[in-house]
Amino acid sequence: MLFDARHGRALVATLAGLALLAAAGCSDADAQHRPKPPRTGGTLRVVVAAKPAHLDPQRVATATEANVNRLVSRTLTTFKSEPGAASSEIVGDLATDAGRPSEGNRVWDFQLKDGVRWEDGTPITCADVKYGVERSFSELLSVSQPYTKTYLSGTDGYAGPFDGGKELSSVQCVDTKNIRFVLNQPIGDFGYTVAMSVFAPVPLKQDTRADYDKRPFSNGPYKLQEVTDQQLVYVRNPYWDRRTDSVRKAYPDKIIIAADDDLPTVTSDLITSEGDAADTIDLDKNIAPNFVQQVINDPDLSARAVQGSYGGIRYLAINTKRIPDLACRQALIYAFDKRKFRAAAGGSVYGDYATTMIAPQLKAHKNFDVYDSANNVEGKPDVALKLLDDRQKQGKPCPATLTLSIPDQKDIRRLATTMVETYQQIGVQLQVNGIDPETYFDVIGDPANANDLLWAGWIPDWANGSAVIPPLFDGRLIPTQPGATNNQNYALLNAPDINDAISAALAESVPERQYRLWGELDEKIQRQAVTIPIVYMKALRMAGTNVRGGFIHPQFGQPDLCALGLV
């Protein structure tokens, strides 16, 4: 999903036409044309391509799930819900502040605020936080976010609290309101780490284990009222106290999240903006390609479009277990036509051509281009053919037929067609494996899946390479239990030298040195040809005429649900 040290992150994320105006020097005429702010009340309608697969905060894995999760689940810290650079800053959420480190950043203490409560009115305690963290270790939940396992001390062999399981000694309740984390190494940005939902509290008495994924207990401004096959309905939580929450605006009385993967129809309805469409926003899909120029060139429509760039990357993972030959993987990278892919997606508004896995918005970014793709955005099929021919002559032919996994959605199938055509030019037949979008990441999260190329995207959980390289490429995090669904290292890269270098980078306490190490690791991994970086993603989301407060939050690469309201 999701991913680093968000300190100083440079961002461009605005609601086109709704830029903030300086208070000084604004004339009365300016004020008259200033857009109305959101009001309290009404029903906000949100379109997503597929209903979120996971609602349990410990199991959240995708950007959409994380965005939705903030409506009901608070964490010790969280990211500000404000446009611009402020959105990369954390503040105390359930905690009074962003944490107090000691012992060289190996111990972190947090104190819970007064007045924070669950949806039944009971107070949130340290025990709830401790239990939430501990349950993330249970194989029953198949948790994707790696941070509890990689950062906390004494976790070897720990299997969670279920069925008489032991407590985790590195998560300590000093008293009912004070919690202490003991880490296995110095982590200077641990305050950012506990903003992740895997650190969210869960009350033991309300935990239904696997079924908690269907109906989590709320401590946020909304609670789940209804779940159907195609939608989620959220209503106000009467025990949420605005005085304890400086982040969530909580404008609407009700939020309805509905799945609809017919992107052209969704975009058309939002442009027309009649009836319920006027109160609707598309959360996780860009404007349909055939409407992009209309929206960009129409001032009224562009004023409603929520757009911005962020630190996300769209890429293909290459399964190294199924394609173990380096030259074969290199051929697939050289053959890839990024121009054709991006044109089918909608052009430059979809993103800038990528050559790295760490995006330019992050300080850990290193500018390199191992496969010379920036100068050859249509690929270098001649180089690919030579690599394939050489392996054929050496008696080690590369596979002539490969399987590409994608979420089975119309717009993604259109993009997959460009890849099928591209690889036909080098004699490789690509078979497209469309998977139910609601369960897609669970399916490819099983290391035993039988796909050669895997459609994927990544948004850093915070702005540092530590939220990109370890979750995507640390082989020690690949689950070994049969039927696991929580793997995010889709390339199945497990190289001891890479794993050791990740540990060394995490242990580096000087930020600038750590940034450099992540950039070097990014380049070293690219030389292993385990992913095809395609574009650094941009967002262009359409909203109805009554929707206000939209901006692209770098945490999600989407409009922040916590900021949206209606006029």
Protein backbone atom coordinates (compact mmCIF):
# COMPACT_ATOMS: atom_id res chain seq x y z
CA MET A 1 0.00 0.00 0.00
CA LEU A 2 1.24 2.24 1.56
CA PHE A 3 5.10 3.80 3.10
CA ASP A 4 9.08 6.47 5.21
CA ALA A 5 10.19 9.52 7.19
CA ARG A 6 7.77 12.21 6.14
CA HIS A 7 10.02 14.99 7.38
CA GLY A 8 10.30 17.87 4.94
CA ARG A 9 8.40 16.12 2.20
CA ALA A 10 7.85 18.30 -0.87
CA LEU A 11 4.37 17.94 -2.30
CA VAL A 12 2.05 19.33 -4.91
CA ALA A 13 -1.50 18.53 -3.90
CA THR A 14 -4.28 21.04 -4.47
CA LEU A 15 -7.88 21.31 -5.36
CA ALA A 16 -7.75 23.04 -8.72
CA GLY A 17 -9.51 26.37 -8.58
CA LEU A 18 -9.87 26.20 -4.80
CA ALA A 19 -6.44 27.43 -3.77
CA LEU A 20 -6.13 29.00 -0.36
CA LEU A 21 -6.29 32.78 -0.44
CA ALA A 22 -4.22 35.00 1.78
CA ALA A 23 -6.35 36.81 4.30
CA ALA A 24 -4.59 40.10 3.79
CA GLY A 25 -5.37 42.22 0.77
CA CYS A 26 -8.50 40.38 -0.42
CA SER A 27 -11.14 42.68 -1.85
CA ASP A 28 -14.88 42.27 -1.36
CA ALA A 29 -15.06 41.06 -4.96
CA ASP A 30 -12.48 38.37 -4.17
CA ALA A 31 -14.55 37.27 -1.19
CA GLN A 32 -17.70 37.01 -3.31
CA HIS A 33 -15.96 34.61 -5.71
CA ARG A 34 -14.31 32.57 -3.00
CA PRO A 35 -15.80 29.04 -2.93
CA LYS A 36 -18.16 28.29 -0.09
CA PRO A 37 -16.64 26.19 2.69
CA PRO A 38 -18.22 22.83 3.55
CA ARG A 39 -21.21 22.92 5.86
CA THR A 40 -22.04 20.46 8.61
CA GLY A 41 -24.64 17.90 7.56
CA GLY A 42 -25.82 16.06 4.49
CA THR A 43 -24.87 12.75 2.91
CA LEU A 44 -21.54 12.53 1.11
CA ARG A 45 -21.40 9.83 -1.56
CA VAL A 46 -18.07 8.28 -2.48
CA VAL A 47 -17.36 6.05 -5.48
CA VAL A 48 -14.59 3.46 -5.34
CA ALA A 49 -13.59 0.94 -7.99
CA ALA A 50 -14.06 -1.96 -5.56
CA LYS A 51 -15.34 -2.20 -2.02
CA PRO A 52 -12.43 -2.23 0.47
CA ALA A 53 -11.36 -5.79 1.20
CA HIS A 54 -10.30 -5.02 4.78
CA LEU A 55 -11.89 -2.86 7.49
CA ASP A 56 -9.95 -4.32 10.43
CA PRO A 57 -7.27 -1.67 11.14
CA GLN A 58 -4.56 -4.30 11.63
CA ARG A 59 -5.37 -5.81 8.21
CA VAL A 60 -5.55 -2.58 6.21
CA ALA A 61 -3.22 -2.90 3.20
CA THR A 62 -4.27 -0.48 0.45
CA ALA A 63 -4.48 3.29 0.22
CA THR A 64 -8.26 3.21 -0.13
CA GLU A 65 -8.58 1.01 2.96
CA ALA A 66 -6.32 3.37 4.93
CA ASN A 67 -8.30 6.43 3.83
CA VAL A 68 -11.63 4.84 4.79
CA ASN A 69 -10.16 3.50 8.02
CA ARG A 70 -9.45 7.01 9.37
CA LEU A 71 -13.21 7.63 9.57
CA VAL A 72 -13.60 5.06 12.36
CA SER A 73 -10.15 4.24 13.68
CA ARG A 74 -7.80 6.65 15.43
CA THR A 75 -4.12 5.97 16.12
CA LEU A 76 -1.64 7.42 18.57
CA THR A 77 -0.53 9.92 15.92
CA THR A 78 -1.90 10.78 12.51
CA PHE A 79 -1.22 13.01 9.52
CA LYS A 80 -2.76 16.45 9.32
CA SER A 81 -5.78 16.79 7.07
CA GLU A 82 -4.61 19.94 5.33
CA PRO A 83 -3.47 20.70 1.78
CA GLY A 84 0.16 21.40 0.94
CA ALA A 85 3.25 20.52 2.94
CA ALA A 86 1.28 20.34 6.21
CA SER A 87 -0.29 17.06 5.10
CA SER A 88 3.07 15.35 5.61
CA GLU A 89 3.22 16.42 9.25
CA ILE A 90 2.01 14.28 12.13
CA VAL A 91 0.21 15.38 15.27
CA GLY A 92 -0.98 13.55 18.33
CA ASP A 93 -4.28 11.81 17.59
CA LEU A 94 -5.24 9.59 20.50
CA ALA A 95 -1.94 10.66 22.08
CA THR A 96 -1.24 14.10 23.47
CA ASP A 97 1.77 14.57 21.19
CA ALA A 98 3.93 12.85 18.57
CA GLY A 99 5.81 10.77 21.14
CA ARG A 100 8.73 11.20 23.53
CA PRO A 101 11.87 9.22 22.62
CA SER A 102 14.58 8.17 25.04
CA GLU A 103 17.60 5.85 25.20
CA GLY A 104 18.80 6.98 21.80
CA ASN A 105 15.40 6.55 20.07
CA ARG A 106 15.11 2.94 21.25
CA VAL A 107 12.26 3.68 23.70
CA TRP A 108 9.18 5.75 22.85
CA ASP A 109 6.47 6.89 25.28
CA PHE A 110 2.96 8.15 24.48
CA GLN A 111 0.19 9.45 26.72
CA LEU A 112 -3.48 9.09 25.79
CA LYS A 113 -5.66 12.20 25.75
CA ASP A 114 -8.48 12.71 28.23
CA GLY A 115 -11.97 12.08 26.85
CA VAL A 116 -11.17 9.64 24.00
CA ARG A 117 -13.86 6.95 23.87
CA TRP A 118 -15.17 3.96 21.95
CA GLU A 119 -18.54 4.01 20.21
CA ASP A 120 -20.21 2.55 23.33
CA GLY A 121 -18.82 5.36 25.51
CA THR A 122 -16.10 3.35 27.28
CA PRO A 123 -12.70 5.06 27.58
CA ILE A 124 -9.79 4.04 25.35
CA THR A 125 -6.97 2.68 27.48
CA CYS A 126 -3.36 1.63 27.11
CA ALA A 127 -4.54 -2.00 27.23
CA ASP A 128 -6.55 -1.43 24.03
CA VAL A 129 -3.49 -0.10 22.23
CA LYS A 130 -1.30 -2.93 23.49
CA TYR A 131 -3.84 -5.56 22.47
CA GLY A 132 -4.27 -4.03 19.01
CA VAL A 133 -0.53 -4.22 18.39
CA GLU A 134 -0.29 -7.77 19.77
CA ARG A 135 -3.10 -9.15 17.60
CA SER A 136 -1.20 -8.00 14.48
CA PHE A 137 1.16 -10.95 15.06
CA SER A 138 -1.54 -13.59 14.67
CA GLU A 139 -1.36 -15.65 11.47
CA LEU A 140 -5.18 -15.73 11.56
CA LEU A 141 -5.27 -12.07 10.51
CA SER A 142 -2.52 -12.25 7.84
CA VAL A 143 -1.37 -8.66 8.48
CA SER A 144 0.43 -6.86 5.65
CA GLN A 145 1.95 -3.80 7.35
CA PRO A 146 5.37 -4.99 8.58
CA TYR A 147 6.23 -2.35 11.16
CA THR A 148 5.24 -4.10 14.40
CA LYS A 149 7.30 -7.13 13.38
CA THR A 150 10.34 -5.19 12.14
CA TYR A 151 10.62 -2.45 14.78
CA LEU A 152 9.55 -3.93 18.14
CA SER A 153 12.00 -5.91 20.25
CA GLY A 154 11.44 -9.45 21.48
CA THR A 155 9.10 -10.52 18.68
CA ASP A 156 10.92 -13.67 17.54
CA GLY A 157 8.47 -16.55 17.77
CA TYR A 158 5.66 -14.32 19.04
CA ALA A 159 2.30 -15.44 17.60
CA GLY A 160 -0.16 -12.98 19.11
CA PRO A 161 -2.55 -13.01 22.09
CA PHE A 162 -5.22 -15.41 20.81
CA ASP A 163 -5.96 -18.73 22.52
CA GLY A 164 -3.87 -18.14 25.59
CA GLY A 165 -1.05 -16.43 23.77
CA LYS A 166 1.49 -14.47 25.74
CA GLU A 167 1.80 -10.71 26.02
CA LEU A 168 4.45 -8.81 24.09
CA SER A 169 7.01 -7.43 26.53
CA SER A 170 8.11 -4.60 24.22
CA VAL A 171 4.66 -2.95 24.42
CA GLN A 172 4.24 -1.82 28.02
CA CYS A 173 1.39 -0.15 29.88
CA VAL A 174 2.98 2.16 32.43
CA ASP A 175 -0.59 2.89 33.59
CA THR A 176 -4.01 3.09 31.93
CA LYS A 177 -3.06 6.17 29.90
CA ASN A 178 0.67 5.83 29.28
CA ILE A 179 2.15 3.37 26.80
CA ARG A 180 5.79 2.55 26.12
CA PHE A 181 7.35 0.86 23.09
CA VAL A 182 10.79 -0.78 23.30
CA LEU A 183 12.41 -1.04 19.88
CA ASN A 184 15.05 -3.40 18.53
CA GLN A 185 17.03 -0.51 17.03
CA PRO A 186 17.02 3.31 17.10
CA ILE A 187 14.07 4.62 15.06
CA GLY A 188 14.05 8.39 14.81
CA ASP A 189 10.72 8.57 12.99
CA PHE A 190 8.77 6.11 15.13
CA GLY A 191 6.22 8.85 15.77
CA TYR A 192 5.30 8.48 12.09
CA THR A 193 5.24 4.70 12.33
CA VAL A 194 2.52 4.62 15.01
CA ALA A 195 0.30 6.64 12.66
CA MET A 196 -0.11 3.39 10.72
CA SER A 197 -3.36 1.51 11.37
CA VAL A 198 -1.47 -1.62 12.41
CA PHE A 199 -0.83 0.25 15.70
CA ALA A 200 -4.53 1.11 16.18
CA PRO A 201 -6.21 0.08 19.44
CA VAL A 202 -8.77 -2.72 19.57
CA PRO A 203 -10.86 -3.51 22.69
CA LEU A 204 -10.46 -7.15 23.69
CA LYS A 205 -14.14 -7.58 24.54
CA GLN A 206 -15.19 -6.39 21.07
CA ASP A 207 -12.66 -8.41 19.09
CA THR A 208 -14.38 -10.97 16.88
CA ARG A 209 -11.00 -11.95 15.37
CA ALA A 210 -11.44 -12.73 11.65
CA ASP A 211 -14.97 -11.27 11.69
CA TYR A 212 -13.65 -7.95 13.04
CA ASP A 213 -12.78 -7.30 9.41
CA LYS A 214 -16.50 -6.99 8.68
CA ARG A 215 -17.43 -4.64 11.49
CA PRO A 216 -14.63 -2.92 13.45
CA PHE A 217 -15.46 -1.04 16.66
CA SER A 218 -15.20 2.71 16.20
CA ASN A 219 -13.39 5.44 18.09
CA GLY A 220 -13.53 7.96 15.23
CA PRO A 221 -16.22 10.42 14.15
CA TYR A 222 -18.18 7.74 12.27
CA LYS A 223 -19.29 4.18 12.88
CA LEU A 224 -20.29 1.52 10.39
CA GLN A 225 -24.07 1.26 10.09
CA GLU A 226 -24.51 -1.06 7.13
CA VAL A 227 -22.45 -3.29 4.85
CA THR A 228 -23.73 -4.77 1.58
CA ASP A 229 -21.98 -6.42 -1.34
CA GLN A 230 -21.45 -3.08 -3.04
CA GLN A 231 -21.45 -0.39 -0.36
CA LEU A 232 -20.55 0.75 3.13
CA VAL A 233 -22.72 3.19 5.08
CA TYR A 234 -21.19 5.28 7.86
CA VAL A 235 -23.10 7.42 10.36
CA ARG A 236 -21.97 9.64 13.22
CA ASN A 237 -20.44 8.14 16.34
CA PRO A 238 -22.05 10.11 19.20
CA TYR A 239 -19.13 9.42 21.57
CA TRP A 240 -16.51 11.02 19.32
CA ASP A 241 -15.52 14.37 20.83
CA ARG A 242 -14.34 17.02 18.38
CA ARG A 243 -12.35 18.66 21.17
CA THR A 244 -10.04 15.63 21.26
CA ASP A 245 -9.53 15.49 17.47
CA SER A 246 -7.86 18.37 15.63
CA VAL A 247 -7.62 16.45 12.34
CA ARG A 248 -10.96 15.01 11.23
CA LYS A 249 -13.41 17.66 10.02
CA ALA A 250 -16.45 15.32 10.14
CA TYR A 251 -18.71 17.56 8.06
CA PRO A 252 -21.25 15.04 6.65
CA ASP A 253 -23.85 13.34 8.83
CA LYS A 254 -23.59 10.24 6.67
CA ILE A 255 -21.03 8.86 4.22
CA ILE A 256 -22.00 6.21 1.67
CA ILE A 257 -19.12 4.44 -0.08
CA ALA A 258 -20.25 2.52 -3.16
CA ALA A 259 -18.31 0.33 -5.61
CA ASP A 260 -18.61 1.03 -9.34
CA ASP A 261 -15.87 0.08 -11.81
CA ASP A 262 -17.59 1.60 -14.88
CA LEU A 263 -15.18 4.54 -15.02
CA PRO A 264 -16.53 6.30 -18.15
CA THR A 265 -20.06 6.28 -16.74
CA VAL A 266 -18.89 7.45 -13.31
CA THR A 267 -16.93 10.32 -14.84
CA SER A 268 -19.83 11.29 -17.13
CA ASP A 269 -22.30 11.32 -14.23
CA LEU A 270 -19.98 13.50 -12.13
CA ILE A 271 -19.47 15.94 -15.00
CA THR A 272 -23.24 16.21 -15.50
CA SER A 273 -23.63 16.37 -11.72
CA GLU A 274 -27.36 15.78 -11.48
CA GLY A 275 -29.21 14.37 -8.46
CA ASP A 276 -27.02 12.37 -6.06
CA ALA A 277 -24.02 12.82 -8.39
CA ALA A 278 -23.76 16.44 -7.22
CA ASP A 279 -22.89 15.12 -3.73
CA THR A 280 -20.44 12.48 -5.01
CA ILE A 281 -16.67 12.20 -5.48
CA ASP A 282 -14.59 9.50 -7.18
CA LEU A 283 -12.04 8.50 -4.55
CA ASP A 284 -9.59 6.10 -6.17
CA LYS A 285 -9.87 6.38 -9.98
CA ASN A 286 -8.69 9.17 -12.23
CA ILE A 287 -11.05 10.78 -14.72
CA ALA A 288 -11.74 8.44 -17.65
CA PRO A 289 -9.20 9.09 -20.44
CA ASN A 290 -11.84 10.14 -22.98
CA PHE A 291 -12.96 12.97 -20.67
CA VAL A 292 -9.54 14.30 -19.64
CA GLN A 293 -9.23 17.05 -22.25
CA GLN A 294 -12.81 18.17 -21.69
CA VAL A 295 -12.18 18.58 -17.96
CA ILE A 296 -8.81 20.26 -18.34
CA ASN A 297 -10.06 22.78 -20.91
CA ASP A 298 -13.33 23.66 -19.15
CA PRO A 299 -12.72 26.14 -16.28
CA ASP A 300 -15.87 25.09 -14.42
CA LEU A 301 -15.03 21.38 -14.64
CA SER A 302 -11.34 21.83 -13.83
CA ALA A 303 -12.39 23.83 -10.76
CA ARG A 304 -14.19 20.72 -9.52
CA ALA A 305 -11.36 18.30 -10.28
CA VAL A 306 -9.21 17.30 -7.32
CA GLN A 307 -5.70 16.95 -8.64
CA GLY A 308 -2.10 16.67 -7.50
CA SER A 309 1.11 14.66 -7.51
CA TYR A 310 2.42 12.57 -4.64
CA GLY A 311 5.10 10.00 -3.87
CA GLY A 312 3.33 7.00 -5.40
CA ILE A 313 4.67 4.63 -8.04
CA ARG A 314 2.80 2.44 -10.54
CA TYR A 315 4.87 -0.62 -11.41
CA LEU A 316 4.90 -4.25 -12.46
CA ALA A 317 6.53 -6.77 -10.16
CA ILE A 318 8.42 -9.62 -11.83
CA ASN A 319 8.06 -12.90 -9.96
CA THR A 320 11.68 -14.01 -9.48
CA LYS A 321 10.65 -17.52 -8.47
CA ARG A 322 8.89 -18.07 -11.79
CA ILE A 323 11.41 -16.06 -13.84
CA PRO A 324 14.72 -16.70 -12.05
CA ASP A 325 16.95 -15.78 -15.02
CA LEU A 326 18.26 -12.20 -14.75
CA ALA A 327 18.60 -11.75 -18.53
CA CYS A 328 14.99 -12.85 -19.08
CA ARG A 329 13.79 -10.29 -16.55
CA GLN A 330 15.97 -7.58 -18.10
CA ALA A 331 14.42 -8.33 -21.50
CA LEU A 332 10.95 -7.69 -20.08
CA ILE A 333 12.07 -4.31 -18.76
CA TYR A 334 13.78 -3.23 -21.98
CA ALA A 335 10.71 -4.21 -24.04
CA PHE A 336 8.17 -2.27 -21.98
CA ASP A 337 6.50 0.63 -23.83
CA LYS A 338 5.79 3.30 -21.22
CA ARG A 339 4.54 5.80 -23.80
CA LYS A 340 1.78 3.46 -25.02
CA PHE A 341 0.80 2.60 -21.44
CA ARG A 342 0.59 6.23 -20.30
CA ALA A 343 -1.28 7.35 -23.41
CA ALA A 344 -3.94 4.71 -22.79
CA ALA A 345 -4.19 5.84 -19.15
CA GLY A 346 -4.90 9.45 -20.11
CA GLY A 347 -1.51 10.98 -20.85
CA SER A 348 0.78 13.07 -18.68
CA VAL A 349 -2.00 13.83 -16.17
CA TYR A 350 -1.69 10.19 -15.11
CA GLY A 351 1.95 10.52 -14.10
CA ASP A 352 5.56 11.17 -15.06
CA TYR A 353 7.70 8.38 -16.49
CA ALA A 354 9.48 6.51 -13.69
CA THR A 355 12.93 4.95 -13.54
CA THR A 356 13.15 4.33 -9.77
CA MET A 357 10.97 2.89 -7.03
CA ILE A 358 11.57 5.80 -4.64
CA ALA A 359 9.74 8.79 -6.10
CA PRO A 360 11.35 12.25 -6.56
CA GLN A 361 9.15 13.75 -3.79
CA LEU A 362 11.12 11.77 -1.20
CA LYS A 363 14.50 12.92 0.10
CA ALA A 364 15.77 9.36 -0.29
CA HIS A 365 15.25 9.54 -4.06
CA LYS A 366 18.35 8.95 -6.17
CA ASN A 367 18.19 9.94 -9.82
CA PHE A 368 19.31 6.98 -11.93
CA ASP A 369 18.13 5.11 -15.01
CA VAL A 370 19.57 1.60 -15.18
CA TYR A 371 17.73 0.64 -18.37
CA ASP A 372 17.90 4.02 -20.18
CA SER A 373 14.11 4.15 -20.28
CA ALA A 374 13.80 7.92 -19.82
CA ASN A 375 15.39 8.40 -23.24
CA ASN A 376 13.50 5.44 -24.71
CA VAL A 377 9.97 5.63 -23.35
CA GLU A 378 8.77 3.31 -26.13
CA GLY A 379 11.24 0.71 -24.89
CA LYS A 380 14.32 -0.83 -26.47
CA PRO A 381 12.88 -3.95 -28.10
CA ASP A 382 16.11 -4.53 -30.04
CA VAL A 383 18.00 -4.94 -26.76
CA ALA A 384 15.25 -7.19 -25.42
CA LEU A 385 15.36 -9.41 -28.53
CA LYS A 386 19.13 -9.76 -28.28
CA LEU A 387 18.90 -10.83 -24.64
CA LEU A 388 16.26 -13.41 -25.53
CA ASP A 389 18.27 -14.63 -28.53
CA ASP A 390 21.44 -14.99 -26.44
CA ARG A 391 19.65 -17.11 -23.84
CA GLN A 392 18.15 -19.25 -26.62
CA LYS A 393 21.60 -19.89 -28.11
CA GLN A 394 22.94 -20.75 -24.67
CA GLY A 395 20.30 -23.43 -24.30
CA LYS A 396 18.48 -21.54 -21.55
CA PRO A 397 15.47 -20.03 -23.34
CA CYS A 398 13.28 -17.49 -21.62
CA PRO A 399 9.56 -18.28 -21.20
CA ALA A 400 7.53 -17.58 -24.34
CA THR A 401 4.23 -17.34 -22.45
CA LEU A 402 3.71 -15.33 -19.28
CA THR A 403 0.77 -14.57 -17.00
CA LEU A 404 -0.03 -10.98 -15.98
CA SER A 405 -2.25 -10.50 -12.93
CA ILE A 406 -4.51 -7.42 -12.79
CA PRO A 407 -7.58 -6.32 -10.84
CA ASP A 408 -10.41 -7.25 -13.21
CA GLN A 409 -11.60 -3.73 -14.04
CA LYS A 410 -12.37 -2.28 -17.45
CA ASP A 411 -9.85 0.56 -17.33
CA ILE A 412 -7.04 -1.72 -16.15
CA ARG A 413 -7.87 -4.31 -18.80
CA ARG A 414 -7.45 -1.55 -21.39
CA LEU A 415 -3.99 -0.82 -20.01
CA ALA A 416 -3.19 -4.54 -19.95
CA THR A 417 -3.96 -4.67 -23.66
CA THR A 418 -1.09 -2.26 -24.33
CA MET A 419 1.24 -4.64 -22.50
CA VAL A 420 -0.02 -7.64 -24.45
CA GLU A 421 0.70 -5.78 -27.70
CA THR A 422 4.12 -4.65 -26.47
CA TYR A 423 5.35 -8.11 -25.57
CA GLN A 424 4.01 -9.64 -28.78
CA GLN A 425 6.70 -7.61 -30.56
CA ILE A 426 9.40 -9.68 -28.87
CA GLY A 427 7.58 -12.98 -29.26
CA VAL A 428 6.25 -13.22 -25.72
CA GLN A 429 2.57 -14.06 -25.31
CA LEU A 430 1.01 -12.39 -22.29
CA GLN A 431 -2.03 -14.06 -20.75
CA VAL A 432 -4.07 -11.66 -18.62
CA ASN A 433 -5.35 -13.06 -15.33
CA GLY A 434 -8.18 -10.82 -14.17
CA ILE A 435 -8.80 -11.16 -10.42
CA ASP A 436 -11.75 -9.89 -8.38
CA PRO A 437 -10.67 -6.34 -7.42
CA GLU A 438 -11.98 -6.73 -3.86
CA THR A 439 -9.62 -9.63 -3.18
CA TYR A 440 -6.84 -8.83 -5.66
CA PHE A 441 -4.13 -7.95 -3.16
CA ASP A 442 -5.00 -10.91 -0.95
CA VAL A 443 -4.61 -13.23 -3.96
CA ILE A 444 -1.25 -11.84 -5.11
CA GLY A 445 -0.25 -11.55 -1.44
CA ASP A 446 0.04 -15.33 -1.38
CA PRO A 447 3.68 -16.08 -2.27
CA ALA A 448 2.49 -19.28 -3.97
CA ASN A 449 0.43 -17.38 -6.56
CA ALA A 450 1.15 -18.48 -10.14
CA ASN A 451 1.57 -15.09 -11.81
CA ASP A 452 4.73 -14.00 -13.64
CA LEU A 453 4.03 -10.26 -13.83
CA LEU A 454 1.92 -8.54 -11.20
CA TRP A 455 0.14 -5.18 -11.46
CA ALA A 456 1.00 -3.14 -8.37
CA GLY A 457 1.30 0.35 -6.97
CA TRP A 458 2.86 1.80 -3.85
CA ILE A 459 2.38 4.95 -1.80
CA PRO A 460 4.94 5.46 0.99
CA ASP A 461 3.50 5.31 4.49
CA TRP A 462 5.78 8.23 5.30
CA ALA A 463 8.30 10.17 3.24
CA ASN A 464 11.46 8.10 3.48
CA GLY A 465 12.94 5.08 1.75
CA SER A 466 12.27 3.10 4.94
CA ALA A 467 8.62 2.98 3.89
CA VAL A 468 9.40 1.81 0.34
CA ILE A 469 12.39 -0.53 0.26
CA PRO A 470 11.80 -2.79 3.33
CA PRO A 471 8.11 -3.61 2.75
CA LEU A 472 8.64 -4.23 -0.98
CA PHE A 473 12.03 -5.97 -1.05
CA ASP A 474 13.04 -7.38 2.36
CA GLY A 475 12.98 -11.12 1.79
CA ARG A 476 12.75 -11.79 5.52
CA LEU A 477 9.20 -10.42 5.48
CA ILE A 478 7.91 -12.93 2.93
CA PRO A 479 5.42 -15.08 4.88
CA THR A 480 6.15 -18.80 5.02
CA GLN A 481 2.83 -20.17 6.29
CA PRO A 482 0.69 -21.86 3.58
CA GLY A 483 -2.19 -19.74 2.32
CA ALA A 484 -0.78 -16.44 3.58
CA THR A 485 -2.27 -13.35 1.92
CA ASN A 486 -0.15 -10.58 3.44
CA ASN A 487 2.99 -10.57 1.29
CA GLN A 488 3.89 -7.23 -0.33
CA ASN A 489 7.23 -8.32 -1.77
CA TYR A 490 5.50 -9.41 -4.95
CA ALA A 491 8.81 -10.01 -6.75
CA LEU A 492 9.68 -12.53 -3.99
CA LEU A 493 13.17 -11.06 -3.84
CA ASN A 494 15.11 -12.65 -0.99
CA ALA A 495 18.75 -11.68 -1.44
CA PRO A 496 20.92 -11.81 1.71
CA ASP A 497 23.02 -8.82 0.63
CA ILE A 498 19.87 -6.74 0.05
CA ASN A 499 18.39 -7.84 3.38
CA ASP A 500 21.61 -6.92 5.22
CA ALA A 501 21.77 -3.54 3.50
CA ILE A 502 18.17 -2.85 4.57
CA SER A 503 19.10 -3.57 8.19
CA ALA A 504 22.11 -1.26 7.90
CA ALA A 505 20.01 1.56 6.46
CA LEU A 506 17.37 1.22 9.18
CA ALA A 507 20.10 1.36 11.83
CA GLU A 508 21.60 4.59 10.41
CA SER A 509 20.63 7.39 12.80
CA VAL A 510 21.76 10.35 10.66
CA PRO A 511 18.87 11.18 8.30
CA GLU A 512 20.97 12.39 5.36
CA ARG A 513 23.11 9.26 5.48
CA GLN A 514 20.03 7.08 5.67
CA TYR A 515 18.49 8.84 2.66
CA ARG A 516 21.65 8.11 0.67
CA LEU A 517 21.61 4.45 1.67
CA TRP A 518 18.00 4.01 0.52
CA GLY A 519 18.75 5.63 -2.83
CA GLU A 520 21.74 3.35 -3.35
CA LEU A 521 19.65 0.33 -2.41
CA ASP A 522 16.95 1.37 -4.87
CA GLU A 523 19.53 1.36 -7.68
CA LYS A 524 21.06 -1.93 -6.55
CA ILE A 525 17.62 -3.57 -6.54
CA GLN A 526 16.79 -2.20 -9.99
CA ARG A 527 19.93 -3.91 -11.32
CA GLN A 528 18.34 -7.16 -10.18
CA ALA A 529 15.46 -6.48 -12.61
CA VAL A 530 12.68 -7.38 -10.18
CA THR A 531 10.25 -4.55 -10.99
CA ILE A 532 9.31 -2.33 -13.93
CA PRO A 533 8.72 1.22 -12.62
CA ILE A 534 6.20 2.77 -15.03
CA VAL A 535 5.02 6.16 -13.76
CA TYR A 536 5.25 8.35 -10.69
CA MET A 537 1.52 8.66 -10.15
CA LYS A 538 -0.61 11.78 -10.31
CA ALA A 539 -4.25 12.11 -9.33
CA LEU A 540 -7.10 13.76 -11.25
CA ARG A 541 -10.37 12.90 -9.52
CA MET A 542 -13.78 14.27 -10.42
CA ALA A 543 -16.20 15.67 -7.86
CA GLY A 544 -19.83 16.75 -8.02
CA THR A 545 -20.85 20.40 -7.83
CA ASN A 546 -21.69 20.27 -4.10
CA VAL A 547 -18.46 18.64 -2.88
CA ARG A 548 -15.92 20.84 -1.09
CA GLY A 549 -12.68 20.46 0.87
CA GLY A 550 -10.95 18.15 -1.59
CA PHE A 551 -7.17 17.86 -1.91
CA ILE A 552 -4.86 14.97 -2.70
CA HIS A 553 -3.40 13.68 0.54
CA PRO A 554 0.09 12.15 0.08
CA GLN A 555 -0.72 9.44 2.60
CA PHE A 556 -3.33 7.99 0.25
CA GLY A 557 -2.79 9.56 -3.18
CA GLN A 558 -6.52 10.32 -2.97
CA PRO A 559 -8.87 13.05 -1.74
CA ASP A 560 -8.75 12.92 2.06
CA LEU A 561 -12.13 11.65 3.28
CA CYS A 562 -11.63 13.40 6.60
CA ALA A 563 -11.65 16.82 4.91
CA LEU A 564 -14.62 16.44 2.56
CA GLY A 565 -18.03 18.02 2.97
CA LEU A 566 -20.92 19.49 1.05
CA VAL A 567 -22.38 22.96 0.43
